PDB file of N, CA and C in Angstrom:
ATOM      1  N   UNK A   1      93.850 -36.258 -67.642  1.00  0.00           N
ATOM      2  CA  UNK A   1      94.850 -34.990 -67.221  1.00  0.00           C
ATOM      3  C   UNK A   1      95.984 -35.381 -66.231  1.00  0.00           C
ATOM      4  N   UNK A   2      96.768 -34.726 -66.411  1.00  0.00           N
ATOM      5  CA  UNK A   2      97.724 -35.428 -65.652  1.00  0.00           C
ATOM      6  C   UNK A   2      97.984 -34.431 -64.291  1.00  0.00           C
ATOM      7  N   UNK A   3      99.128 -35.046 -63.638  1.00  0.00           N
ATOM      8  CA  UNK A   3      98.893 -33.671 -62.017  1.00  0.00           C
ATOM      9  C   UNK A   3      99.870 -32.593 -62.694  1.00  0.00           C
ATOM     10  N   UNK A   4     100.857 -32.579 -63.798  1.00  0.00           N
ATOM     11  CA  UNK A   4     101.270 -31.751 -64.018  1.00  0.00           C
ATOM     12  C   UNK A   4     100.352 -30.714 -65.164  1.00  0.00           C
ATOM     13  N   UNK A   5      99.465 -31.159 -65.842  1.00  0.00           N
ATOM     14  CA  UNK A   5      98.355 -30.205 -66.551  1.00  0.00           C
ATOM     15  C   UNK A   5      97.971 -29.823 -65.582  1.00  0.00           C
ATOM     16  N   UNK A   6      97.460 -30.326 -64.473  1.00  0.00           N
ATOM     17  CA  UNK A   6      96.480 -29.875 -63.468  1.00  0.00           C
ATOM     18  C   UNK A   6      97.349 -28.083 -62.688  1.00  0.00           C
ATOM     19  N   UNK A   7      98.374 -28.746 -62.352  1.00  0.00           N
ATOM     20  CA  UNK A   7      99.286 -27.652 -62.042  1.00  0.00           C
ATOM     21  C   UNK A   7      99.682 -26.909 -62.735  1.00  0.00           C
ATOM     22  N   UNK A   8      99.681 -26.832 -64.010  1.00  0.00           N
ATOM     23  CA  UNK A   8      99.684 -25.598 -64.916  1.00  0.00           C
ATOM     24  C   UNK A   8      98.660 -24.840 -65.021  1.00  0.00           C
ATOM     25  N   UNK A   9      97.386 -25.642 -65.316  1.00  0.00           N
ATOM     26  CA  UNK A   9      96.296 -24.683 -65.413  1.00  0.00           C
ATOM     27  C   UNK A   9      96.109 -24.168 -63.757  1.00  0.00           C
ATOM     28  N   UNK A  10      95.816 -24.446 -62.814  1.00  0.00           N
ATOM     29  CA  UNK A  10      96.300 -23.752 -61.381  1.00  0.00           C
ATOM     30  C   UNK A  10      96.704 -22.743 -61.280  1.00  0.00           C
ATOM     31  N   UNK A  11      98.088 -22.502 -62.077  1.00  0.00           N
ATOM     32  CA  UNK A  11      99.200 -21.879 -62.245  1.00  0.00           C
ATOM     33  C   UNK A  11      98.643 -20.389 -62.790  1.00  0.00           C
ATOM     34  N   UNK A  12      97.986 -21.033 -64.066  1.00  0.00           N
ATOM     35  CA  UNK A  12      97.027 -20.076 -65.114  1.00  0.00           C
ATOM     36  C   UNK A  12      95.964 -19.436 -64.515  1.00  0.00           C
ATOM     37  N   UNK A  13      95.304 -20.259 -63.921  1.00  0.00           N
ATOM     38  CA  UNK A  13      93.808 -19.803 -63.037  1.00  0.00           C
ATOM     39  C   UNK A  13      93.728 -18.962 -62.235  1.00  0.00           C
ATOM     40  N   UNK A  14      94.623 -19.014 -61.306  1.00  0.00           N
ATOM     41  CA  UNK A  14      95.036 -18.698 -59.812  1.00  0.00           C
ATOM     42  C   UNK A  14      95.910 -17.731 -59.389  1.00  0.00           C
ATOM     43  N   UNK A  15      95.588 -16.601 -58.888  1.00  0.00           N
ATOM     44  CA  UNK A  15      96.700 -15.772 -58.196  1.00  0.00           C
ATOM     45  C   UNK A  15      97.942 -16.630 -57.883  1.00  0.00           C
ATOM     46  N   UNK A  16      97.701 -17.278 -56.661  1.00  0.00           N
ATOM     47  CA  UNK A  16      98.424 -18.129 -56.104  1.00  0.00           C
ATOM     48  C   UNK A  16      98.137 -19.292 -55.973  1.00  0.00           C
ATOM     49  N   UNK A  17      98.872 -20.279 -56.343  1.00  0.00           N
ATOM     50  CA  UNK A  17      98.252 -21.789 -56.318  1.00  0.00           C
ATOM     51  C   UNK A  17      98.967 -22.324 -54.547  1.00  0.00           C
ATOM     52  N   UNK A  18      97.703 -23.204 -54.335  1.00  0.00           N
ATOM     53  CA  UNK A  18      97.338 -23.650 -53.031  1.00  0.00           C
ATOM     54  C   UNK A  18      98.849 -24.713 -52.719  1.00  0.00           C
ATOM     55  N   UNK A  19      99.402 -24.590 -51.662  1.00  0.00           N
ATOM     56  CA  UNK A  19     100.064 -25.706 -51.351  1.00  0.00           C
ATOM     57  C   UNK A  19      99.798 -27.425 -52.045  1.00  0.00           C
ATOM     58  N   UNK A  20     100.555 -28.100 -52.155  1.00  0.00           N
ATOM     59  CA  UNK A  20     100.199 -29.440 -53.007  1.00  0.00           C
ATOM     60  C   UNK A  20     101.002 -30.222 -52.442  1.00  0.00           C
ATOM     61  N   UNK A  21     100.142 -31.443 -52.304  1.00  0.00           N
ATOM     62  CA  UNK A  21     101.117 -32.709 -52.018  1.00  0.00           C
ATOM     63  C   UNK A  21     101.110 -33.682 -53.092  1.00  0.00           C
ATOM     64  N   UNK A  22     102.107 -33.964 -53.577  1.00  0.00           N
ATOM     65  CA  UNK A  22     101.770 -35.188 -54.934  1.00  0.00           C
ATOM     66  C   UNK A  22     102.030 -36.355 -54.380  1.00  0.00           C
ATOM     67  N   UNK A  23     100.739 -37.261 -54.438  1.00  0.00           N
ATOM     68  CA  UNK A  23     101.106 -38.706 -54.597  1.00  0.00           C
ATOM     69  C   UNK A  23     100.870 -39.439 -55.496  1.00  0.00           C
ATOM     70  N   UNK A  24     101.900 -39.918 -56.312  1.00  0.00           N
ATOM     71  CA  UNK A  24     101.787 -40.979 -57.373  1.00  0.00           C
ATOM     72  C   UNK A  24     102.370 -42.443 -57.457  1.00  0.00           C
ATOM     73  N   UNK A  25     101.562 -42.941 -58.547  1.00  0.00           N
ATOM     74  CA  UNK A  25     102.159 -44.210 -58.159  1.00  0.00           C
ATOM     75  C   UNK A  25     102.990 -44.434 -59.334  1.00  0.00           C
ATOM     76  N   UNK A  26     103.576 -43.315 -59.977  1.00  0.00           N
ATOM     77  CA  UNK A  26     104.859 -43.464 -61.321  1.00  0.00           C
ATOM     78  C   UNK A  26     106.022 -43.216 -60.474  1.00  0.00           C
ATOM     79  N   UNK A  27     106.832 -44.333 -60.547  1.00  0.00           N
ATOM     80  CA  UNK A  27     108.187 -44.665 -59.911  1.00  0.00           C
ATOM     81  C   UNK A  27     109.116 -44.102 -60.823  1.00  0.00           C
ATOM     82  N   UNK A  28     109.916 -43.338 -60.048  1.00  0.00           N
ATOM     83  CA  UNK A  28     111.185 -42.773 -60.827  1.00  0.00           C
ATOM     84  C   UNK A  28     111.843 -41.404 -60.823  1.00  0.00           C
ATOM     85  N   UNK A  29     112.991 -41.338 -60.855  1.00  0.00           N
ATOM     86  CA  UNK A  29     113.310 -39.968 -60.151  1.00  0.00           C
ATOM     87  C   UNK A  29     113.275 -38.828 -61.077  1.00  0.00           C
ATOM     88  N   UNK A  30     112.094 -39.436 -62.123  1.00  0.00           N
ATOM     89  CA  UNK A  30     112.144 -37.832 -63.134  1.00  0.00           C
ATOM     90  C   UNK A  30     110.719 -37.300 -62.353  1.00  0.00           C
ATOM     91  N   UNK A  31     109.996 -37.898 -61.929  1.00  0.00           N
ATOM     92  CA  UNK A  31     108.653 -37.068 -61.101  1.00  0.00           C
ATOM     93  C   UNK A  31     109.724 -36.293 -59.859  1.00  0.00           C
ATOM     94  N   UNK A  32     110.080 -36.855 -59.285  1.00  0.00           N
ATOM     95  CA  UNK A  32     110.893 -36.411 -58.235  1.00  0.00           C
ATOM     96  C   UNK A  32     111.586 -34.820 -58.542  1.00  0.00           C
ATOM     97  N   UNK A  33     112.367 -35.074 -59.512  1.00  0.00           N
ATOM     98  CA  UNK A  33     113.049 -33.963 -59.913  1.00  0.00           C
ATOM     99  C   UNK A  33     112.358 -32.960 -60.598  1.00  0.00           C
ATOM    100  N   UNK A  34     110.845 -32.983 -61.313  1.00  0.00           N
ATOM    101  CA  UNK A  34     110.310 -32.459 -62.218  1.00  0.00           C
ATOM    102  C   UNK A  34     109.473 -31.373 -60.682  1.00  0.00           C
ATOM    103  N   UNK A  35     109.253 -32.090 -59.768  1.00  0.00           N
ATOM    104  CA  UNK A  35     108.713 -31.272 -58.630  1.00  0.00           C
ATOM    105  C   UNK A  35     109.281 -29.885 -58.418  1.00  0.00           C
ATOM    106  N   UNK A  36     110.866 -29.829 -58.891  1.00  0.00           N
ATOM    107  CA  UNK A  36     111.336 -28.966 -58.334  1.00  0.00           C
ATOM    108  C   UNK A  36     110.958 -27.775 -59.263  1.00  0.00           C
ATOM    109  N   UNK A  37     110.202 -27.872 -60.371  1.00  0.00           N
ATOM    110  CA  UNK A  37     109.791 -26.808 -61.216  1.00  0.00           C
ATOM    111  C   UNK A  37     108.802 -26.387 -60.533  1.00  0.00           C
ATOM    112  N   UNK A  38     108.037 -27.015 -59.484  1.00  0.00           N
ATOM    113  CA  UNK A  38     106.787 -26.136 -58.833  1.00  0.00           C
ATOM    114  C   UNK A  38     106.973 -26.044 -57.629  1.00  0.00           C
ATOM    115  N   UNK A  39     106.776 -24.809 -56.895  1.00  0.00           N
ATOM    116  CA  UNK A  39     107.387 -24.614 -55.983  1.00  0.00           C
ATOM    117  C   UNK A  39     105.801 -24.624 -55.089  1.00  0.00           C
ATOM    118  N   UNK A  40     104.909 -24.922 -55.416  1.00  0.00           N
ATOM    119  CA  UNK A  40     103.589 -25.200 -54.622  1.00  0.00           C
ATOM    120  C   UNK A  40     103.851 -26.209 -53.998  1.00  0.00           C
ATOM    121  N   UNK A  41     104.419 -27.446 -54.792  1.00  0.00           N
ATOM    122  CA  UNK A  41     104.651 -28.447 -54.426  1.00  0.00           C
ATOM    123  C   UNK A  41     105.569 -28.649 -52.940  1.00  0.00           C
ATOM    124  N   UNK A  42     104.695 -29.213 -51.814  1.00  0.00           N
ATOM    125  CA  UNK A  42     105.299 -29.170 -50.381  1.00  0.00           C
ATOM    126  C   UNK A  42     105.671 -30.335 -50.034  1.00  0.00           C
ATOM    127  N   UNK A  43     104.887 -31.454 -50.555  1.00  0.00           N
ATOM    128  CA  UNK A  43     105.646 -32.757 -50.819  1.00  0.00           C
ATOM    129  C   UNK A  43     105.357 -34.021 -51.495  1.00  0.00           C
ATOM    130  N   UNK A  44     106.382 -34.917 -51.643  1.00  0.00           N
ATOM    131  CA  UNK A  44     106.263 -35.924 -53.004  1.00  0.00           C
ATOM    132  C   UNK A  44     105.854 -37.390 -52.257  1.00  0.00           C
ATOM    133  N   UNK A  45     104.727 -38.211 -52.322  1.00  0.00           N
ATOM    134  CA  UNK A  45     105.251 -39.382 -52.278  1.00  0.00           C
ATOM    135  C   UNK A  45     104.823 -40.059 -52.905  1.00  0.00           C
ATOM    136  N   UNK A  46     105.506 -41.438 -53.055  1.00  0.00           N
ATOM    137  CA  UNK A  46     104.773 -42.627 -54.007  1.00  0.00           C
ATOM    138  C   UNK A  46     104.154 -43.769 -53.216  1.00  0.00           C
ATOM    139  N   UNK A  47     102.837 -43.976 -54.231  1.00  0.00           N
ATOM    140  CA  UNK A  47     102.107 -45.324 -53.710  1.00  0.00           C
ATOM    141  C   UNK A  47     102.620 -46.457 -53.264  1.00  0.00           C
ATOM    142  N   UNK A  48     102.366 -47.162 -52.762  1.00  0.00           N
ATOM    143  CA  UNK A  48     101.363 -46.917 -51.511  1.00  0.00           C
ATOM    144  C   UNK A  48     102.074 -45.863 -50.464  1.00  0.00           C
ATOM    145  N   UNK A  49     101.180 -45.077 -49.994  1.00  0.00           N
ATOM    146  CA  UNK A  49     101.533 -44.492 -48.755  1.00  0.00           C
ATOM    147  C   UNK A  49     101.175 -45.152 -47.625  1.00  0.00           C
ATOM    148  N   UNK A  50     101.703 -44.791 -46.854  1.00  0.00           N
ATOM    149  CA  UNK A  50     101.776 -45.334 -45.352  1.00  0.00           C
ATOM    150  C   UNK A  50     101.212 -44.555 -44.133  1.00  0.00           C
ATOM    151  N   UNK A  51     101.042 -44.977 -42.805  1.00  0.00           N
ATOM    152  CA  UNK A  51     100.342 -44.299 -42.100  1.00  0.00           C
ATOM    153  C   UNK A  51     101.309 -43.162 -41.496  1.00  0.00           C
ATOM    154  N   UNK A  52     102.464 -43.316 -42.039  1.00  0.00           N
ATOM    155  CA  UNK A  52     103.595 -42.602 -41.573  1.00  0.00           C
ATOM    156  C   UNK A  52     103.720 -41.022 -42.475  1.00  0.00           C
ATOM    157  N   UNK A  53     103.805 -41.650 -43.803  1.00  0.00           N
ATOM    158  CA  UNK A  53     103.195 -40.689 -44.975  1.00  0.00           C
ATOM    159  C   UNK A  53     102.505 -39.901 -44.287  1.00  0.00           C
ATOM    160  N   UNK A  54     101.016 -40.428 -44.504  1.00  0.00           N
ATOM    161  CA  UNK A  54      99.874 -39.496 -43.958  1.00  0.00           C
ATOM    162  C   UNK A  54     100.164 -38.455 -42.905  1.00  0.00           C
ATOM    163  N   UNK A  55     100.933 -38.922 -41.723  1.00  0.00           N
ATOM    164  CA  UNK A  55     101.424 -37.640 -40.703  1.00  0.00           C
ATOM    165  C   UNK A  55     102.219 -36.742 -41.340  1.00  0.00           C
ATOM    166  N   UNK A  56     103.041 -37.320 -42.114  1.00  0.00           N
ATOM    167  CA  UNK A  56     104.172 -36.360 -42.819  1.00  0.00           C
ATOM    168  C   UNK A  56     103.080 -35.195 -44.009  1.00  0.00           C
ATOM    169  N   UNK A  57     102.178 -35.702 -44.569  1.00  0.00           N
ATOM    170  CA  UNK A  57     101.741 -34.989 -45.395  1.00  0.00           C
ATOM    171  C   UNK A  57     100.506 -33.784 -44.310  1.00  0.00           C
ATOM    172  N   UNK A  58      99.694 -34.226 -43.327  1.00  0.00           N
ATOM    173  CA  UNK A  58      99.466 -33.790 -42.564  1.00  0.00           C
ATOM    174  C   UNK A  58     100.473 -32.412 -41.875  1.00  0.00           C
ATOM    175  N   UNK A  59     101.213 -32.794 -41.273  1.00  0.00           N
ATOM    176  CA  UNK A  59     102.252 -31.971 -41.080  1.00  0.00           C
ATOM    177  C   UNK A  59     102.806 -30.856 -42.047  1.00  0.00           C
ATOM    178  N   UNK A  60     103.209 -31.070 -43.298  1.00  0.00           N
ATOM    179  CA  UNK A  60     103.238 -30.399 -44.391  1.00  0.00           C
ATOM    180  C   UNK A  60     102.349 -29.702 -44.485  1.00  0.00           C
ATOM    181  N   UNK A  61     101.420 -29.933 -44.798  1.00  0.00           N
ATOM    182  CA  UNK A  61      99.998 -28.738 -45.182  1.00  0.00           C
ATOM    183  C   UNK A  61      99.804 -28.008 -44.209  1.00  0.00           C
ATOM    184  N   UNK A  62      99.876 -28.518 -42.577  1.00  0.00           N
ATOM    185  CA  UNK A  62      99.694 -27.390 -41.784  1.00  0.00           C
ATOM    186  C   UNK A  62     100.352 -26.617 -41.740  1.00  0.00           C
ATOM    187  N   UNK A  63     101.554 -26.788 -42.416  1.00  0.00           N
ATOM    188  CA  UNK A  63     102.808 -25.480 -41.924  1.00  0.00           C
ATOM    189  C   UNK A  63     102.632 -24.181 -42.941  1.00  0.00           C
ATOM    190  N   UNK A  64     101.462 -24.681 -44.240  1.00  0.00           N
ATOM    191  CA  UNK A  64     101.295 -23.698 -44.585  1.00  0.00           C
ATOM    192  C   UNK A  64      99.815 -22.811 -45.075  1.00  0.00           C
TER     193      UNK A  64
END
């Protein structure tokens, strides 16, 4: 199951989907663009992630 399939499933199964941070190894602008279709995605990071990315993730999730 891809991340997109999971997000679609969550949307259909839950009244409100939790804030989501997407961490991917798939490089490319298409994934970044696709996140705009999912308002629950609060962050998008490409692997490998750094300690600064981890700080950003905690900040993003903490706001929601």
